[in-house]
């Protein structure tokens, strides 16, 4: 009787663990699409929805140099550009674990869309004009909440 109970508990835990790894979805403040108005503050806008993850840089006025390193222990998939211009680059390196971005943004919005297969976390290091950007200029999800630090990690 005890052996069957232990087996049942272990089977249930294995199922839950497997489902949580395969469905790496964002929760909390990251879930939902924000509105990025033309006069929105300069910064990074990051969210998740049914289409995957989205990272945008927005810089009204003068040109800004945005560089980012996004890392996961999962694998980046389906990485696609959003309104990139000549000179804007992105690359997936490190066996699919790291996404590198370099955008020149002014009077508009540039970005990438992506999915992550597997893994337990995604880490962001976000720079503006050669320095870590203030967390006040990192906007998460539809409400634009800010992470406590930069770099920061989102657990899946």
N, C-alpha and C. Protein backbone atom coordinates (compact mmCIF):
# COMPACT_ATOMS: atom_id res chain seq x y z
N UNK A 1 0.82 -1.19 0.00
CA UNK A 1 0.00 0.00 0.00
C UNK A 1 0.87 1.25 0.00
N UNK A 2 1.88 1.29 0.89
CA UNK A 2 2.76 2.45 0.96
C UNK A 2 3.55 2.57 -0.34
N UNK A 3 3.98 1.45 -0.91
CA UNK A 3 4.74 1.49 -2.15
C UNK A 3 3.90 2.09 -3.27
N UNK A 4 2.63 1.71 -3.38
CA UNK A 4 1.75 2.27 -4.41
C UNK A 4 1.56 3.77 -4.21
N UNK A 5 1.41 4.20 -2.98
CA UNK A 5 1.23 5.63 -2.69
C UNK A 5 2.47 6.42 -3.09
N UNK A 6 3.63 5.91 -2.75
CA UNK A 6 4.88 6.59 -3.12
C UNK A 6 5.01 6.64 -4.63
N UNK A 7 4.70 5.53 -5.30
CA UNK A 7 4.78 5.50 -6.75
C UNK A 7 3.81 6.51 -7.38
N UNK A 8 2.62 6.61 -6.86
CA UNK A 8 1.63 7.55 -7.39
C UNK A 8 2.09 8.99 -7.20
N UNK A 9 2.65 9.31 -6.04
CA UNK A 9 3.15 10.66 -5.79
C UNK A 9 4.30 10.98 -6.73
N UNK A 10 5.24 10.05 -6.89
CA UNK A 10 6.37 10.27 -7.79
C UNK A 10 5.92 10.44 -9.23
N UNK A 11 4.94 9.66 -9.66
CA UNK A 11 4.42 9.79 -11.02
C UNK A 11 3.77 11.15 -11.23
N UNK A 12 3.00 11.60 -10.25
CA UNK A 12 2.34 12.91 -10.37
C UNK A 12 3.37 14.03 -10.42
N UNK A 13 4.39 13.95 -9.55
CA UNK A 13 5.44 14.98 -9.55
C UNK A 13 6.21 14.98 -10.87
N UNK A 14 6.49 13.82 -11.42
CA UNK A 14 7.19 13.75 -12.71
C UNK A 14 6.36 14.39 -13.81
N UNK A 15 5.07 14.13 -13.81
CA UNK A 15 4.19 14.72 -14.81
C UNK A 15 4.16 16.24 -14.69
N UNK A 16 4.01 16.75 -13.48
CA UNK A 16 4.00 18.20 -13.27
C UNK A 16 5.32 18.84 -13.67
N UNK A 17 6.44 18.21 -13.32
CA UNK A 17 7.75 18.75 -13.67
C UNK A 17 7.92 18.77 -15.19
N UNK A 18 7.53 17.72 -15.86
CA UNK A 18 7.63 17.66 -17.32
C UNK A 18 6.78 18.72 -18.00
N UNK A 19 5.58 18.92 -17.52
CA UNK A 19 4.71 19.95 -18.10
C UNK A 19 5.26 21.34 -17.88
N UNK A 20 5.84 21.59 -16.71
CA UNK A 20 6.35 22.94 -16.44
C UNK A 20 7.55 23.25 -17.31
N UNK A 21 8.40 22.28 -17.61
CA UNK A 21 9.56 22.54 -18.47
C UNK A 21 9.16 22.72 -19.92
N UNK A 22 8.17 22.00 -20.37
CA UNK A 22 7.83 22.09 -21.79
C UNK A 22 6.99 23.32 -22.12
N UNK A 23 6.39 23.93 -21.14
CA UNK A 23 5.48 25.05 -21.42
C UNK A 23 6.00 26.35 -20.85
N UNK A 24 7.30 26.59 -20.98
CA UNK A 24 7.92 27.80 -20.42
C UNK A 24 7.16 29.02 -20.85
N UNK A 25 6.25 29.45 -20.03
CA UNK A 25 5.46 30.63 -20.34
C UNK A 25 5.69 31.67 -19.25
N UNK A 26 5.61 32.89 -19.64
CA UNK A 26 5.77 33.97 -18.68
C UNK A 26 4.51 34.08 -17.83
N UNK A 27 4.69 34.57 -16.65
CA UNK A 27 3.55 34.81 -15.79
C UNK A 27 3.67 36.19 -15.19
N UNK A 28 2.65 36.62 -14.51
CA UNK A 28 2.71 37.88 -13.79
C UNK A 28 2.79 39.08 -14.70
N UNK A 29 3.66 40.03 -14.33
CA UNK A 29 3.66 41.33 -14.99
C UNK A 29 4.12 41.30 -16.45
N UNK A 30 4.72 40.22 -16.92
CA UNK A 30 5.22 40.15 -18.29
C UNK A 30 4.13 39.77 -19.29
N UNK A 31 3.05 39.18 -18.81
CA UNK A 31 2.02 38.64 -19.70
C UNK A 31 1.08 39.72 -20.20
N UNK A 32 1.05 39.90 -21.51
CA UNK A 32 0.16 40.87 -22.13
C UNK A 32 0.93 41.90 -22.93
N UNK A 33 0.28 42.44 -23.93
CA UNK A 33 0.91 43.36 -24.87
C UNK A 33 0.74 44.81 -24.44
N UNK A 34 1.86 45.55 -24.36
CA UNK A 34 1.75 46.98 -24.02
C UNK A 34 1.46 47.82 -25.26
N UNK A 35 1.11 49.07 -25.03
CA UNK A 35 1.02 50.05 -26.11
C UNK A 35 2.26 50.93 -26.00
N UNK A 36 3.01 51.04 -27.10
CA UNK A 36 4.19 51.90 -27.10
C UNK A 36 3.86 53.11 -27.97
N UNK A 37 3.48 54.20 -27.34
CA UNK A 37 3.11 55.42 -28.07
C UNK A 37 4.36 56.10 -28.61
N UNK A 38 4.19 56.93 -29.62
CA UNK A 38 5.32 57.65 -30.21
C UNK A 38 6.08 58.47 -29.18
N UNK A 39 5.39 59.00 -28.18
CA UNK A 39 6.04 59.83 -27.17
C UNK A 39 6.40 59.05 -25.91
N UNK A 40 6.37 57.71 -25.97
CA UNK A 40 6.75 56.88 -24.83
C UNK A 40 8.22 57.10 -24.50
N UNK A 41 8.62 56.89 -23.26
CA UNK A 41 10.02 57.12 -22.86
C UNK A 41 11.00 56.21 -23.60
N UNK A 42 12.22 56.69 -23.75
CA UNK A 42 13.30 55.89 -24.31
C UNK A 42 13.53 54.69 -23.40
N UNK A 43 13.66 53.50 -24.00
CA UNK A 43 13.94 52.33 -23.18
C UNK A 43 13.64 51.03 -23.88
N UNK A 44 13.66 49.98 -23.07
CA UNK A 44 13.35 48.62 -23.50
C UNK A 44 11.94 48.27 -23.05
N UNK A 45 11.19 47.62 -23.93
CA UNK A 45 9.83 47.17 -23.65
C UNK A 45 9.82 45.67 -23.91
N UNK A 46 9.47 44.88 -22.89
CA UNK A 46 9.53 43.42 -22.98
C UNK A 46 8.21 42.85 -22.49
N UNK A 47 7.68 41.89 -23.27
CA UNK A 47 6.44 41.24 -22.85
C UNK A 47 6.34 39.85 -23.47
N UNK A 48 5.35 39.12 -23.01
CA UNK A 48 5.05 37.77 -23.51
C UNK A 48 3.56 37.70 -23.80
N UNK A 49 3.20 37.02 -24.89
CA UNK A 49 1.80 36.72 -25.18
C UNK A 49 1.74 35.39 -25.91
N UNK A 50 0.62 35.06 -26.51
CA UNK A 50 0.46 33.77 -27.18
C UNK A 50 1.45 33.58 -28.33
N UNK A 51 1.99 34.66 -28.87
CA UNK A 51 2.95 34.58 -29.98
C UNK A 51 4.38 34.39 -29.50
N UNK A 52 4.62 34.43 -28.20
CA UNK A 52 5.97 34.27 -27.66
C UNK A 52 6.43 35.53 -26.95
N UNK A 53 7.75 35.71 -26.92
CA UNK A 53 8.36 36.87 -26.27
C UNK A 53 8.59 37.97 -27.29
N UNK A 54 8.60 39.21 -26.78
CA UNK A 54 8.81 40.37 -27.64
C UNK A 54 9.71 41.35 -26.89
N UNK A 55 10.72 41.85 -27.57
CA UNK A 55 11.60 42.87 -27.01
C UNK A 55 11.65 44.01 -28.00
N UNK A 56 11.37 45.21 -27.51
CA UNK A 56 11.40 46.40 -28.36
C UNK A 56 12.30 47.44 -27.71
N UNK A 57 12.99 48.20 -28.56
CA UNK A 57 13.71 49.38 -28.12
C UNK A 57 12.97 50.57 -28.69
N UNK A 58 12.86 51.59 -27.88
CA UNK A 58 12.12 52.78 -28.32
C UNK A 58 12.92 54.01 -27.93
N UNK A 59 13.11 54.90 -28.87
CA UNK A 59 13.92 56.07 -28.58
C UNK A 59 13.45 57.29 -29.33
N UNK A 60 12.48 57.96 -28.81
CA UNK A 60 12.07 59.19 -29.49
C UNK A 60 13.19 60.22 -29.44
N UNK A 61 13.29 61.02 -30.49
CA UNK A 61 14.30 62.08 -30.51
C UNK A 61 15.63 61.60 -31.04
N UNK A 62 16.70 61.92 -30.30
CA UNK A 62 18.07 61.62 -30.74
C UNK A 62 18.30 60.12 -30.88
N UNK A 63 19.27 59.77 -31.73
CA UNK A 63 19.64 58.37 -31.92
C UNK A 63 20.26 57.81 -30.65
N UNK A 64 19.90 56.57 -30.33
CA UNK A 64 20.47 55.86 -29.19
C UNK A 64 20.99 54.52 -29.67
N UNK A 65 22.03 54.05 -28.97
CA UNK A 65 22.66 52.77 -29.27
C UNK A 65 22.24 51.76 -28.21
N UNK A 66 21.39 50.80 -28.58
CA UNK A 66 20.90 49.78 -27.67
C UNK A 66 21.66 48.48 -27.91
N UNK A 67 22.25 47.91 -26.87
CA UNK A 67 22.85 46.58 -26.96
C UNK A 67 22.30 45.73 -25.83
N UNK A 68 22.02 44.48 -26.13
CA UNK A 68 21.44 43.59 -25.13
C UNK A 68 22.02 42.20 -25.28
N UNK A 69 22.10 41.53 -24.14
CA UNK A 69 22.47 40.12 -24.10
C UNK A 69 21.36 39.42 -23.34
N UNK A 70 20.69 38.50 -24.01
CA UNK A 70 19.59 37.74 -23.41
C UNK A 70 20.04 36.29 -23.40
N UNK A 71 20.00 35.64 -22.24
CA UNK A 71 20.53 34.28 -22.09
C UNK A 71 19.50 33.39 -21.40
N UNK A 72 19.44 32.15 -21.84
CA UNK A 72 18.56 31.16 -21.22
C UNK A 72 19.26 29.81 -21.18
N UNK A 73 18.82 28.94 -20.28
CA UNK A 73 19.31 27.57 -20.32
C UNK A 73 18.41 26.72 -21.22
N UNK A 74 17.42 27.34 -21.82
CA UNK A 74 16.63 26.71 -22.88
C UNK A 74 17.27 27.04 -24.23
N UNK A 75 16.48 27.02 -25.28
CA UNK A 75 16.97 27.30 -26.63
C UNK A 75 16.08 28.37 -27.28
N UNK A 76 16.73 29.42 -27.81
CA UNK A 76 15.98 30.43 -28.56
C UNK A 76 15.52 29.84 -29.89
N UNK A 77 14.26 30.08 -30.23
CA UNK A 77 13.69 29.61 -31.49
C UNK A 77 12.86 30.71 -32.13
N UNK A 78 12.67 30.59 -33.44
CA UNK A 78 11.78 31.50 -34.19
C UNK A 78 12.10 32.97 -33.93
N UNK A 79 13.38 33.31 -33.90
CA UNK A 79 13.78 34.71 -33.68
C UNK A 79 13.55 35.47 -34.99
N UNK A 80 12.79 36.55 -34.90
CA UNK A 80 12.47 37.31 -36.10
C UNK A 80 12.54 38.82 -35.81
N UNK A 81 12.95 39.61 -36.81
CA UNK A 81 13.10 41.05 -36.61
C UNK A 81 11.77 41.77 -36.62
N UNK A 82 11.78 42.96 -36.01
CA UNK A 82 10.63 43.86 -36.04
C UNK A 82 11.16 45.26 -36.36
N UNK A 83 10.85 45.75 -37.54
CA UNK A 83 11.20 47.11 -37.99
C UNK A 83 12.68 47.46 -37.87
N UNK A 84 13.57 46.52 -38.14
CA UNK A 84 14.99 46.82 -38.08
C UNK A 84 15.43 47.55 -39.34
N UNK A 85 16.40 48.45 -39.15
CA UNK A 85 16.97 49.18 -40.28
C UNK A 85 18.38 48.69 -40.54
N UNK A 86 18.98 49.21 -41.60
CA UNK A 86 20.36 48.89 -41.94
C UNK A 86 21.26 49.20 -40.75
N UNK A 87 22.11 48.28 -40.41
CA UNK A 87 23.01 48.46 -39.27
C UNK A 87 22.51 47.85 -37.98
N UNK A 88 21.21 47.56 -37.88
CA UNK A 88 20.67 46.87 -36.71
C UNK A 88 20.96 45.38 -36.86
N UNK A 89 21.42 44.74 -35.79
CA UNK A 89 21.77 43.32 -35.89
C UNK A 89 21.24 42.54 -34.69
N UNK A 90 21.02 41.26 -34.92
CA UNK A 90 20.75 40.31 -33.84
C UNK A 90 21.34 38.98 -34.25
N UNK A 91 21.75 38.20 -33.27
CA UNK A 91 22.37 36.91 -33.56
C UNK A 91 22.13 35.97 -32.39
N UNK A 92 21.85 34.71 -32.70
CA UNK A 92 21.73 33.68 -31.68
C UNK A 92 23.05 32.91 -31.68
N UNK A 93 23.70 32.85 -30.51
CA UNK A 93 25.00 32.21 -30.37
C UNK A 93 24.97 31.24 -29.19
N UNK A 94 26.12 30.65 -28.91
CA UNK A 94 26.26 29.79 -27.73
C UNK A 94 25.32 28.59 -27.80
N UNK A 95 25.25 27.96 -28.99
CA UNK A 95 24.40 26.78 -29.14
C UNK A 95 22.92 27.06 -28.99
N UNK A 96 22.51 28.30 -29.25
CA UNK A 96 21.10 28.67 -29.15
C UNK A 96 20.69 29.21 -27.79
N UNK A 97 21.65 29.37 -26.86
CA UNK A 97 21.33 29.81 -25.50
C UNK A 97 21.40 31.32 -25.31
N UNK A 98 22.02 32.05 -26.24
CA UNK A 98 22.22 33.49 -26.06
C UNK A 98 21.77 34.25 -27.31
N UNK A 99 21.04 35.32 -27.08
CA UNK A 99 20.59 36.22 -28.13
C UNK A 99 21.29 37.56 -27.91
N UNK A 100 22.03 38.02 -28.93
CA UNK A 100 22.73 39.30 -28.86
C UNK A 100 22.04 40.29 -29.78
N UNK A 101 21.83 41.51 -29.30
CA UNK A 101 21.15 42.55 -30.07
C UNK A 101 21.99 43.81 -30.10
N UNK A 102 21.95 44.51 -31.24
CA UNK A 102 22.58 45.83 -31.35
C UNK A 102 21.74 46.65 -32.31
N UNK A 103 21.02 47.61 -31.75
CA UNK A 103 20.10 48.45 -32.54
C UNK A 103 20.46 49.91 -32.38
N UNK A 104 20.35 50.66 -33.46
CA UNK A 104 20.42 52.12 -33.44
C UNK A 104 18.97 52.59 -33.59
N UNK A 105 18.43 53.18 -32.54
CA UNK A 105 17.01 53.53 -32.54
C UNK A 105 16.84 55.02 -32.31
N UNK A 106 16.02 55.64 -33.14
CA UNK A 106 15.64 57.03 -32.95
C UNK A 106 14.30 57.27 -33.63
N UNK A 107 13.48 58.08 -33.01
CA UNK A 107 12.15 58.39 -33.54
C UNK A 107 11.39 57.15 -34.00
N UNK A 108 11.49 56.07 -33.23
CA UNK A 108 10.76 54.87 -33.62
C UNK A 108 11.00 53.72 -32.67
N UNK A 109 10.63 52.53 -33.14
CA UNK A 109 10.71 51.32 -32.34
C UNK A 109 11.31 50.21 -33.18
N UNK A 110 12.32 49.55 -32.65
CA UNK A 110 12.95 48.38 -33.27
C UNK A 110 12.78 47.20 -32.32
N UNK A 111 12.98 45.98 -32.84
CA UNK A 111 12.89 44.87 -31.92
C UNK A 111 13.02 43.50 -32.54
N UNK A 112 12.81 42.50 -31.69
CA UNK A 112 12.80 41.10 -32.10
C UNK A 112 11.66 40.39 -31.37
N UNK A 113 11.22 39.32 -32.00
CA UNK A 113 10.25 38.39 -31.42
C UNK A 113 10.95 37.05 -31.32
N UNK A 114 10.62 36.26 -30.30
CA UNK A 114 11.27 34.96 -30.16
C UNK A 114 10.46 34.05 -29.26
N UNK A 115 10.79 32.78 -29.34
CA UNK A 115 10.26 31.77 -28.44
C UNK A 115 11.45 31.11 -27.75
N UNK A 116 11.18 30.49 -26.61
CA UNK A 116 12.21 29.75 -25.90
C UNK A 116 11.68 28.34 -25.64
N UNK A 117 12.45 27.36 -26.09
CA UNK A 117 12.09 25.95 -25.87
C UNK A 117 12.86 25.44 -24.65
N UNK A 118 12.11 24.93 -23.67
CA UNK A 118 12.74 24.37 -22.48
C UNK A 118 13.33 25.44 -21.59
N UNK A 119 14.08 25.00 -20.61
CA UNK A 119 14.78 25.90 -19.72
C UNK A 119 13.96 26.36 -18.54
N UNK A 120 14.66 26.93 -17.57
CA UNK A 120 14.01 27.41 -16.35
C UNK A 120 14.07 28.91 -16.18
N UNK A 121 14.88 29.60 -16.99
CA UNK A 121 15.03 31.04 -16.79
C UNK A 121 15.42 31.73 -18.09
N UNK A 122 15.28 33.05 -18.09
CA UNK A 122 15.82 33.91 -19.14
C UNK A 122 16.39 35.14 -18.43
N UNK A 123 17.64 35.47 -18.77
CA UNK A 123 18.34 36.60 -18.14
C UNK A 123 18.55 37.71 -19.16
N UNK A 124 18.39 38.93 -18.71
CA UNK A 124 18.54 40.10 -19.57
C UNK A 124 19.64 41.01 -19.01
N UNK A 125 20.54 41.44 -19.88
CA UNK A 125 21.47 42.53 -19.59
C UNK A 125 21.23 43.56 -20.69
N UNK A 126 20.77 44.75 -20.29
CA UNK A 126 20.31 45.75 -21.24
C UNK A 126 21.13 47.03 -21.11
N UNK A 127 21.74 47.46 -22.22
CA UNK A 127 22.57 48.65 -22.23
C UNK A 127 21.98 49.71 -23.14
N UNK A 128 22.26 50.96 -22.81
CA UNK A 128 21.89 52.11 -23.63
C UNK A 128 23.10 53.01 -23.73
N UNK A 129 23.52 53.29 -24.94
CA UNK A 129 24.65 54.19 -25.19
C UNK A 129 25.89 53.76 -24.39
N UNK A 130 26.16 52.45 -24.36
CA UNK A 130 27.38 51.93 -23.75
C UNK A 130 27.35 51.74 -22.25
N UNK A 131 26.21 51.93 -21.61
CA UNK A 131 26.09 51.75 -20.16
C UNK A 131 24.83 50.96 -19.83
N UNK A 132 24.83 50.29 -18.68
CA UNK A 132 23.60 49.64 -18.23
C UNK A 132 22.50 50.68 -18.16
N UNK A 133 21.35 50.36 -18.73
CA UNK A 133 20.23 51.29 -18.69
C UNK A 133 19.58 51.22 -17.31
N UNK A 134 19.07 52.31 -16.85
CA UNK A 134 18.36 52.37 -15.57
C UNK A 134 17.12 51.48 -15.63
N UNK A 135 16.79 50.86 -14.51
CA UNK A 135 15.58 50.03 -14.47
C UNK A 135 14.33 50.87 -14.71
N UNK A 136 14.42 52.18 -14.50
CA UNK A 136 13.28 53.06 -14.79
C UNK A 136 12.96 53.13 -16.28
N UNK A 137 13.91 52.68 -17.11
CA UNK A 137 13.71 52.68 -18.56
C UNK A 137 13.57 51.28 -19.12
N UNK A 138 13.22 50.33 -18.27
CA UNK A 138 12.88 48.96 -18.68
C UNK A 138 11.43 48.75 -18.30
N UNK A 139 10.60 48.45 -19.30
CA UNK A 139 9.16 48.37 -19.10
C UNK A 139 8.70 46.93 -19.40
N UNK A 140 8.14 46.27 -18.39
CA UNK A 140 7.73 44.87 -18.51
C UNK A 140 6.22 44.76 -18.61
N UNK A 141 5.77 44.03 -19.62
CA UNK A 141 4.36 43.74 -19.76
C UNK A 141 3.49 44.95 -20.05
N UNK A 142 2.19 44.76 -20.00
CA UNK A 142 1.26 45.82 -20.39
C UNK A 142 1.21 47.00 -19.42
N UNK A 143 1.64 46.79 -18.16
CA UNK A 143 1.60 47.87 -17.19
C UNK A 143 2.92 48.62 -17.08
N UNK A 144 3.97 48.11 -17.75
CA UNK A 144 5.25 48.80 -17.73
C UNK A 144 5.97 48.73 -16.39
N UNK A 145 5.77 47.64 -15.66
CA UNK A 145 6.49 47.51 -14.39
C UNK A 145 8.00 47.43 -14.67
N UNK A 146 8.80 47.70 -13.65
CA UNK A 146 10.25 47.74 -13.79
C UNK A 146 10.89 46.61 -12.99
N UNK A 147 11.96 46.00 -13.52
CA UNK A 147 12.67 45.01 -12.71
C UNK A 147 13.41 45.72 -11.58
N UNK A 148 13.77 44.97 -10.56
CA UNK A 148 14.47 45.56 -9.40
C UNK A 148 15.92 45.91 -9.76
N UNK A 149 16.52 45.16 -10.69
CA UNK A 149 17.92 45.37 -11.06
C UNK A 149 18.10 45.19 -12.56
N UNK A 150 19.22 45.61 -13.06
CA UNK A 150 19.67 45.33 -14.43
C UNK A 150 21.15 45.00 -14.32
N UNK A 151 21.54 43.76 -14.64
CA UNK A 151 20.79 42.68 -15.27
C UNK A 151 19.72 42.11 -14.33
N UNK A 152 18.77 41.36 -14.96
CA UNK A 152 17.71 40.73 -14.19
C UNK A 152 17.36 39.39 -14.82
N UNK A 153 16.71 38.55 -14.04
CA UNK A 153 16.33 37.21 -14.48
C UNK A 153 14.84 37.00 -14.29
N UNK A 154 14.22 36.37 -15.27
CA UNK A 154 12.83 35.95 -15.16
C UNK A 154 12.80 34.44 -15.09
N UNK A 155 12.22 33.90 -14.04
CA UNK A 155 12.11 32.46 -13.90
C UNK A 155 10.87 31.97 -14.60
N UNK A 156 10.98 30.81 -15.18
CA UNK A 156 9.86 30.27 -15.94
C UNK A 156 9.06 29.33 -15.08
